[in-house]
Amino acid sequence: QVQLVESGGGLVQPGGSLRLSCVASGFTFSRYVMSWYRQTPGKERELVATISFLDSSTNYADSVKGRFTISRDNAKNTVYLQMNRLEPEDTAVYYCKAAAFFPSRNYWGQGTQVTVSS
């Protein structure tokens, strides 16, 4: 059974930091591209960051470049999102996604709420 379980969300003041974790099971984690997305009510889900399975190369949305860092630990089947200098605009539900391409597979976690407010 495939599972992606996110944790680490919560309430933080502007300028603060959080680290999200996503633990995967039920598939070969090391062969999947891992991503973090976020979504706020009434808006489409937005890609935040992606990390390759080949060389752990990363890509980020412009809005989080320089503040967020995605990383993975294949030995622990876990992907992380370190979020620094958080802003109220970062408030959203954050989702972990696993993707493979041949054949195509997409798995999603249940999401974790991040709220940035004073």
Protein backbone atom coordinates (compact mmCIF):
# COMPACT_ATOMS: atom_id res chain seq x y z
CA GLN A 1 0.00 0.00 0.00
CA VAL A 2 1.41 3.36 -1.09
CA GLN A 3 1.61 6.02 1.60
CA LEU A 4 3.05 9.51 1.83
CA VAL A 5 2.78 10.98 5.31
CA GLU A 6 3.64 14.64 5.84
CA SER A 7 4.47 16.20 9.19
CA GLY A 8 6.07 19.31 10.62
CA GLY A 9 3.43 21.90 9.84
CA GLY A 10 2.11 24.37 12.38
CA LEU A 11 1.81 27.99 13.37
CA VAL A 12 4.90 30.19 13.10
CA GLN A 13 5.54 33.92 13.26
CA PRO A 14 6.73 35.83 10.20
CA GLY A 15 10.47 35.43 9.80
CA GLY A 16 10.43 32.05 11.50
CA SER A 17 11.33 28.59 10.23
CA LEU A 18 9.73 25.18 9.86
CA ARG A 19 10.91 21.86 8.48
CA LEU A 20 8.39 19.63 6.77
CA SER A 21 8.97 15.90 6.40
CA CYS A 22 7.30 13.37 4.12
CA VAL A 23 7.84 9.68 4.78
CA ALA A 24 7.11 7.34 1.90
CA SER A 25 6.25 3.64 1.84
CA GLY A 26 4.87 1.10 -0.59
CA PHE A 27 7.01 2.02 -3.60
CA THR A 28 10.69 2.39 -4.57
CA PHE A 29 11.30 5.87 -3.21
CA SER A 30 14.79 6.23 -4.72
CA ARG A 31 13.35 5.99 -8.27
CA TYR A 32 10.81 8.78 -7.87
CA VAL A 33 11.00 12.53 -8.38
CA MET A 34 9.78 14.12 -5.16
CA SER A 35 8.03 17.47 -4.95
CA TRP A 36 6.34 19.77 -2.50
CA TYR A 37 3.20 21.63 -3.52
CA ARG A 38 1.00 24.04 -1.60
CA GLN A 39 -2.59 25.15 -1.87
CA THR A 40 -4.76 27.87 -0.36
CA PRO A 41 -8.57 27.97 -0.47
CA GLY A 42 -9.92 28.95 -3.88
CA LYS A 43 -6.56 28.63 -5.62
CA GLU A 44 -4.91 25.93 -7.67
CA ARG A 45 -2.24 23.76 -6.16
CA GLU A 46 1.16 25.40 -6.69
CA LEU A 47 4.50 23.67 -7.22
CA VAL A 48 6.97 24.80 -4.56
CA ALA A 49 10.07 22.64 -5.05
CA THR A 50 11.24 19.47 -6.80
CA ILE A 51 14.18 17.14 -6.28
CA SER A 52 15.41 14.63 -8.83
CA PHE A 53 16.03 10.96 -8.04
CA LEU A 54 19.07 10.80 -10.41
CA ASP A 55 21.37 13.44 -8.97
CA SER A 56 19.22 15.22 -6.37
CA SER A 57 19.15 18.35 -8.52
CA THR A 58 16.54 20.82 -7.34
CA ASN A 59 14.14 23.41 -8.70
CA TYR A 60 12.13 26.05 -6.87
CA ALA A 61 9.27 28.40 -7.45
CA ASP A 62 10.50 31.98 -7.73
CA SER A 63 8.50 32.94 -4.66
CA VAL A 64 10.54 30.62 -2.39
CA LYS A 65 14.02 30.71 -3.97
CA GLY A 66 16.66 31.52 -1.39
CA ARG A 67 14.31 30.78 1.52
CA PHE A 68 13.25 27.12 1.07
CA THR A 69 15.43 24.06 0.60
CA ILE A 70 14.25 20.64 -0.53
CA SER A 71 16.31 17.56 0.27
CA ARG A 72 15.89 13.79 0.36
CA ASP A 73 17.25 10.85 2.31
CA ASN A 74 16.77 7.69 0.26
CA ALA A 75 17.88 5.51 3.17
CA LYS A 76 14.95 6.84 5.21
CA ASN A 77 12.47 7.14 2.32
CA THR A 78 11.98 10.75 3.34
CA VAL A 79 11.88 14.11 1.61
CA TYR A 80 12.20 17.36 3.53
CA LEU A 81 11.33 20.99 2.99
CA GLN A 82 13.28 23.44 5.11
CA MET A 83 11.42 26.74 5.15
CA ASN A 84 13.19 29.85 6.42
CA ARG A 85 12.21 33.51 6.59
CA LEU A 86 8.57 32.53 6.38
CA GLU A 87 6.05 35.10 5.21
CA PRO A 88 2.26 35.29 5.69
CA GLU A 89 1.94 34.53 1.96
CA ASP A 90 3.47 31.10 2.64
CA THR A 91 0.37 30.10 4.60
CA ALA A 92 -1.11 27.05 2.88
CA VAL A 93 -1.62 23.32 3.07
CA TYR A 94 1.61 21.70 1.92
CA TYR A 95 1.51 18.42 0.01
CA CYS A 96 4.19 15.91 -0.83
CA LYS A 97 4.10 14.26 -4.27
CA ALA A 98 5.99 11.31 -5.73
CA ALA A 99 6.22 10.98 -9.51
CA ALA A 100 7.55 8.38 -11.93
CA PHE A 101 7.35 8.55 -15.71
CA PHE A 102 7.86 5.16 -17.29
CA PRO A 103 5.24 4.01 -16.49
CA SER A 104 3.53 7.12 -15.24
CA ARG A 105 2.76 7.13 -11.51
CA ASN A 106 1.73 9.94 -9.19
CA TYR A 107 1.18 9.65 -5.46
CA TRP A 108 0.08 12.38 -3.04
CA GLY A 109 0.18 12.81 0.69
CA GLN A 110 -2.71 14.08 2.78
CA GLY A 111 -1.17 17.50 3.41
CA THR A 112 0.04 19.46 6.41
CA GLN A 113 -1.11 22.96 7.35
CA VAL A 114 1.43 25.78 7.60
CA THR A 115 0.20 29.06 9.04
CA VAL A 116 2.44 32.13 9.19
CA SER A 117 0.93 34.78 11.42
CA SER A 118 1.81 37.08 14.28
